[in-house]
C-alpha cells in the first residue's frame, strides 16, 4: 500500500457529509488538506478540529474563474496536489421533467458536472507534469440506474461516470489514477438540500433501515487512495445492506 502521510489532498464540498468525513479520514492518515467549500465559517471550524496542516478555500465550484484562481494562487507548499477528491455535488427536487424547476436543473448540472470538470482541469496539468496523482470522483448509484423523478440528477451522475471513464482513457500512461466511488443511500444533508430545507421529508428518506454514513464512504476513498501505484481502483459501488438497487430498499415499520 502507499504511505499517505504528508500527501496533499484537495477535497471539494468539504464542509459537510461525505466531504467532511473524508477530510477526517485523510487527516487521520497524516495527509495535508486543502479544504474547499462555500461555507467559510464551517471550514474554519472543521480545520480547528483536525490534527493536520490545512489550507482553506471558500469556493463555489460552479464559478470557473474562481476555481482557476484558487488553484493558480495556491501557496508554493500547497501546489503539488497528490489526490483530488471531487466531492462537491447536490440534488434539487424530485419531480417529473414536465414539472421540474429549471433553476434546480442548472444548479445540479453546474455543480455535479461542470464544477467537477473545472476543478479537474485546474489540477490535472500539475499531476500530469509530475507523472503522479489520483483523481477520485464521488458518483452515485444514480449514475447507473435512472429512477422515477430523478431525471436530471441521474443524468448528472451518469455524466460523472462517463467523465471518469474518459479521464481514465485520457490519462492512461501519465501515472495519474482515476477512481469513482458510487454510493447508494447515505445519511447526510443530501436529502435536506434536495427538498430545499424540508427536514421532515428528508428524514423520511432514511427511516426504516440503516443507511450508509459518510464514514463508510470515507473508508473506501482512503482505501482506494492507498493501493500500490500499479493498482488503479476504477469503480466502487457501495450500498446499504437493505438497499438492492436505486429504488429497492427494505424498509421496516
Protein backbone atom coordinates (compact mmCIF):
# COMPACT_ATOMS: atom_id res chain seq x y z
CA UNK A 1 0.00 0.00 0.00
CA UNK A 2 1.01 3.64 -0.44
CA UNK A 3 2.01 5.69 2.57
CA UNK A 4 -0.43 8.62 2.64
CA UNK A 5 1.38 10.61 5.31
CA UNK A 6 2.18 14.15 4.07
CA UNK A 7 0.26 13.67 0.82
CA UNK A 8 -1.58 16.84 -0.22
CA UNK A 9 -5.30 16.18 -0.67
CA UNK A 10 -7.82 18.64 -2.10
CA UNK A 11 -11.40 17.94 -1.01
CA UNK A 12 -14.28 19.87 -2.59
CA UNK A 13 -17.57 20.11 -0.75
CA UNK A 14 -15.59 19.61 2.45
CA UNK A 15 -17.95 21.40 4.83
CA UNK A 16 -20.37 18.52 5.45
CA UNK A 17 -21.40 14.96 4.67
CA UNK A 18 -19.07 12.75 2.68
CA UNK A 19 -16.55 15.54 2.14
CA UNK A 20 -16.28 16.21 5.86
CA UNK A 21 -15.93 12.50 6.65
CA UNK A 22 -13.21 12.14 4.01
CA UNK A 23 -11.36 15.15 5.40
CA UNK A 24 -11.33 13.47 8.80
CA UNK A 25 -10.17 10.13 7.39
CA UNK A 26 -7.38 11.70 5.35
CA UNK A 27 -6.35 13.72 8.41
CA UNK A 28 -6.08 10.51 10.44
CA UNK A 29 -3.88 9.09 7.66
CA UNK A 30 -1.48 12.02 8.11
CA UNK A 31 -2.37 13.92 4.94
CA UNK A 32 -2.20 17.66 4.46
CA UNK A 33 -5.59 19.01 3.47
CA UNK A 34 -6.84 21.69 1.12
CA UNK A 35 -10.48 22.06 2.07
CA UNK A 36 -12.81 23.83 -0.35
CA UNK A 37 -16.47 24.71 0.15
CA UNK A 38 -18.85 27.64 0.01
CA UNK A 39 -19.27 27.91 3.81
CA UNK A 40 -16.10 29.62 5.01
CA UNK A 41 -17.00 29.69 8.71
CA UNK A 42 -17.79 25.99 8.65
CA UNK A 43 -14.42 25.28 7.05
CA UNK A 44 -12.67 27.21 9.80
CA UNK A 45 -14.48 25.19 12.47
CA UNK A 46 -13.50 21.93 10.77
CA UNK A 47 -9.86 22.95 10.37
CA UNK A 48 -9.67 23.80 14.07
CA UNK A 49 -10.78 20.26 14.92
CA UNK A 50 -8.37 18.46 12.58
CA UNK A 51 -4.90 17.48 13.71
CA UNK A 52 -3.20 18.20 10.39
CA UNK A 53 -2.00 21.17 8.31
CA UNK A 54 -4.88 22.70 6.36
CA UNK A 55 -5.34 25.32 3.67
CA UNK A 56 -8.88 26.64 3.30
CA UNK A 57 -10.57 27.90 0.14
CA UNK A 58 -14.01 29.47 0.14
CA UNK A 59 -15.13 28.27 -3.26
CA UNK A 60 -18.19 27.65 -5.38
CA UNK A 61 -17.06 25.09 -7.95
CA UNK A 62 -19.64 26.43 -10.41
CA UNK A 63 -17.50 29.55 -10.85
CA UNK A 64 -14.83 28.56 -13.38
CA UNK A 65 -12.76 31.70 -12.92
CA UNK A 66 -12.79 31.38 -9.14
CA UNK A 67 -11.69 27.75 -9.45
CA UNK A 68 -8.83 28.65 -11.76
CA UNK A 69 -7.72 31.48 -9.48
CA UNK A 70 -7.90 29.34 -6.35
CA UNK A 71 -5.66 26.64 -7.83
CA UNK A 72 -3.25 29.03 -9.56
CA UNK A 73 -2.83 31.10 -6.40
CA UNK A 74 -2.09 28.24 -4.02
CA UNK A 75 0.99 28.90 -1.87
CA UNK A 76 4.11 27.10 -3.12
CA UNK A 77 3.93 24.49 -0.38
CA UNK A 78 0.38 23.53 -1.38
CA UNK A 79 0.72 23.40 -5.16
CA UNK A 80 1.70 19.75 -5.61
CA UNK A 81 -1.70 18.17 -5.09
CA UNK A 82 -1.42 14.38 -4.81
CA UNK A 83 -5.11 13.49 -4.51
CA UNK A 84 -8.16 15.39 -5.73
CA UNK A 85 -11.49 14.31 -4.26
CA UNK A 86 -14.26 15.74 -6.43
CA UNK A 87 -17.00 15.52 -3.86
CA UNK A 88 -18.98 18.76 -4.30
CA UNK A 89 -22.42 17.85 -5.57
CA UNK A 90 -26.13 18.08 -4.84
CA UNK A 91 -29.62 17.24 -5.93
CA UNK A 92 -32.53 19.63 -6.26
CA UNK A 93 -36.11 18.43 -6.25
CA UNK A 94 -37.80 15.18 -7.12
CA UNK A 95 -40.27 15.90 -9.92
CA UNK A 96 -41.25 14.73 -13.36
CA UNK A 97 -39.44 16.56 -16.16
CA UNK A 98 -42.62 18.35 -17.19
CA UNK A 99 -42.96 19.67 -13.64
CA UNK A 100 -39.28 20.32 -12.92
CA UNK A 101 -37.58 23.51 -11.79
CA UNK A 102 -35.07 24.72 -14.42
CA UNK A 103 -33.15 26.64 -11.76
CA UNK A 104 -32.63 23.38 -9.89
CA UNK A 105 -31.54 21.70 -13.12
CA UNK A 106 -28.93 24.41 -13.69
CA UNK A 107 -27.64 24.07 -10.12
CA UNK A 108 -27.23 20.29 -10.43
CA UNK A 109 -25.55 20.37 -13.83
CA UNK A 110 -23.33 23.32 -12.96
CA UNK A 111 -22.18 21.73 -9.68
CA UNK A 112 -22.14 17.99 -10.37
CA UNK A 113 -20.80 18.11 -13.92
CA UNK A 114 -19.24 21.45 -14.78
CA UNK A 115 -17.82 22.02 -11.30
CA UNK A 116 -16.12 18.63 -11.35
CA UNK A 117 -14.66 19.46 -14.78
CA UNK A 118 -13.46 22.92 -13.75
CA UNK A 119 -11.60 21.65 -10.68
CA UNK A 120 -10.15 18.67 -12.53
CA UNK A 121 -8.99 20.87 -15.41
CA UNK A 122 -7.20 23.18 -12.99
CA UNK A 123 -5.48 20.41 -11.03
CA UNK A 124 -4.66 17.78 -13.65
CA UNK A 125 -1.88 19.55 -15.60
CA UNK A 126 0.29 19.56 -12.48
CA UNK A 127 -0.34 15.88 -11.85
CA UNK A 128 0.48 15.00 -15.46
CA UNK A 129 3.67 17.05 -15.30
CA UNK A 130 4.74 15.24 -12.12
CA UNK A 131 3.64 11.87 -13.57
CA UNK A 132 1.68 11.05 -10.41
CA UNK A 133 -1.61 11.80 -8.78
CA UNK A 134 -5.07 10.44 -8.15
CA UNK A 135 -8.49 11.79 -9.08
CA UNK A 136 -11.37 10.38 -7.06
CA UNK A 137 -14.87 11.35 -8.16
CA UNK A 138 -17.87 10.82 -5.93
CA UNK A 139 -20.58 9.45 -8.17
CA UNK A 140 -23.79 7.67 -7.20
CA UNK A 141 -25.93 4.62 -7.78
CA UNK A 142 -27.98 7.22 -9.70
CA UNK A 143 -25.19 7.18 -12.26
CA UNK A 144 -26.05 3.55 -13.03
CA UNK A 145 -29.85 3.48 -12.73
CA UNK A 146 -32.45 6.08 -13.61
CA UNK A 147 -35.27 6.20 -11.08
CA UNK A 148 -38.68 7.90 -11.21
CA UNK A 149 -38.47 11.71 -10.94
CA UNK A 150 -34.67 11.53 -10.70
CA UNK A 151 -34.20 12.53 -14.37
CA UNK A 152 -31.72 15.44 -14.29
CA UNK A 153 -29.90 14.37 -11.12
CA UNK A 154 -29.44 10.90 -12.59
CA UNK A 155 -28.26 12.46 -15.85
CA UNK A 156 -25.65 14.48 -13.95
CA UNK A 157 -24.34 11.36 -12.24
CA UNK A 158 -24.35 9.37 -15.48
CA UNK A 159 -22.18 12.23 -16.76
CA UNK A 160 -19.80 11.80 -13.82
CA UNK A 161 -19.48 8.12 -14.71
CA UNK A 162 -18.75 8.94 -18.37
CA UNK A 163 -16.30 11.72 -17.50
CA UNK A 164 -14.47 9.41 -15.08
CA UNK A 165 -14.10 6.76 -17.76
CA UNK A 166 -12.97 9.39 -20.24
CA UNK A 167 -10.40 10.72 -17.78
CA UNK A 168 -9.03 7.23 -17.27
CA UNK A 169 -8.53 6.85 -21.02
CA UNK A 170 -7.05 10.32 -21.49
CA UNK A 171 -4.67 9.91 -18.55
CA UNK A 172 -3.53 6.41 -19.45
CA UNK A 173 0.25 6.34 -19.45
CA UNK A 174 0.64 9.50 -17.37
CA UNK A 175 0.86 7.80 -13.99
CA UNK A 176 -2.34 9.52 -12.82
CA UNK A 177 -5.02 7.18 -11.47
CA UNK A 178 -8.78 7.77 -11.71
CA UNK A 179 -11.46 6.30 -9.44
CA UNK A 180 -15.17 6.74 -8.93
CA UNK A 181 -16.89 5.88 -5.66
CA UNK A 182 -20.63 5.41 -6.20
CA UNK A 183 -22.77 5.27 -3.05
CA UNK A 184 -26.37 4.35 -2.54
CA UNK A 185 -28.32 5.95 0.30
CA UNK A 186 -26.00 7.88 2.62
CA UNK A 187 -27.45 9.83 5.53
CA UNK A 188 -26.07 13.35 5.08
CA UNK A 189 -27.54 16.78 4.28
CA UNK A 190 -28.19 15.47 0.75
CA UNK A 191 -31.95 14.95 1.10
CA UNK A 192 -32.44 18.15 3.05
CA UNK A 193 -30.77 20.05 0.20
CA UNK A 194 -32.79 18.11 -2.39
CA UNK A 195 -36.03 19.09 -0.66
CA UNK A 196 -35.00 22.72 -0.14
CA UNK A 197 -34.70 22.51 3.63
CA UNK A 198 -37.75 20.31 4.33
CA UNK A 199 -36.23 18.33 7.21
CA UNK A 200 -39.29 16.15 7.83
CA UNK A 201 -39.38 14.98 4.23
CA UNK A 202 -35.61 14.48 4.25
CA UNK A 203 -35.70 12.35 7.40
CA UNK A 204 -38.28 10.01 5.89
CA UNK A 205 -35.74 9.08 3.20
CA UNK A 206 -33.65 7.28 5.81
CA UNK A 207 -36.34 5.83 8.08
CA UNK A 208 -36.95 2.11 8.48
CA UNK A 209 -33.46 0.88 7.61
CA UNK A 210 -29.82 1.62 8.35
CA UNK A 211 -28.33 3.86 5.63
CA UNK A 212 -24.67 4.36 4.92
CA UNK A 213 -22.74 7.07 6.73
CA UNK A 214 -20.16 9.48 5.41
CA UNK A 215 -17.56 7.45 7.28
CA UNK A 216 -18.45 4.35 5.27
CA UNK A 217 -17.64 6.21 2.07
CA UNK A 218 -14.52 7.77 3.55
CA UNK A 219 -13.19 4.27 4.34
CA UNK A 220 -13.49 3.35 0.67
CA UNK A 221 -11.94 6.61 -0.52
CA UNK A 222 -8.87 6.24 1.69
CA UNK A 223 -8.54 2.55 0.82
CA UNK A 224 -8.60 3.29 -2.91
CA UNK A 225 -6.06 6.07 -2.39
CA UNK A 226 -3.64 3.82 -0.57
CA UNK A 227 -3.36 0.99 -3.13
CA UNK A 228 0.09 0.40 -4.66
CA UNK A 229 0.94 2.63 -7.60
CA UNK A 230 0.37 -0.15 -10.12
CA UNK A 231 -3.18 -0.72 -8.83
CA UNK A 232 -6.00 1.53 -10.07
CA UNK A 233 -9.38 1.04 -8.41
CA UNK A 234 -11.66 2.00 -11.28
CA UNK A 235 -15.02 1.95 -9.52
CA UNK A 236 -16.63 1.01 -6.24
CA UNK A 237 -20.41 0.80 -5.79
CA UNK A 238 -21.40 0.88 -2.12
CA UNK A 239 -24.94 0.16 -0.92
CA UNK A 240 -26.52 -0.30 2.50
CA UNK A 241 -27.30 -3.96 3.12
CA UNK A 242 -31.01 -3.09 2.96
CA UNK A 243 -30.65 -1.48 -0.48
CA UNK A 244 -30.63 -3.73 -3.55
CA UNK A 245 -30.91 -1.06 -6.25
CA UNK A 246 -31.72 2.62 -6.59
CA UNK A 247 -35.41 2.00 -5.81
CA UNK A 248 -35.42 -1.31 -3.93
CA UNK A 249 -34.93 -0.68 -0.23
CA UNK A 250 -36.06 -2.98 2.57
CA UNK A 251 -37.77 -0.60 4.98
CA UNK A 252 -39.15 -1.89 8.29
CA UNK A 253 -42.08 -0.27 10.06
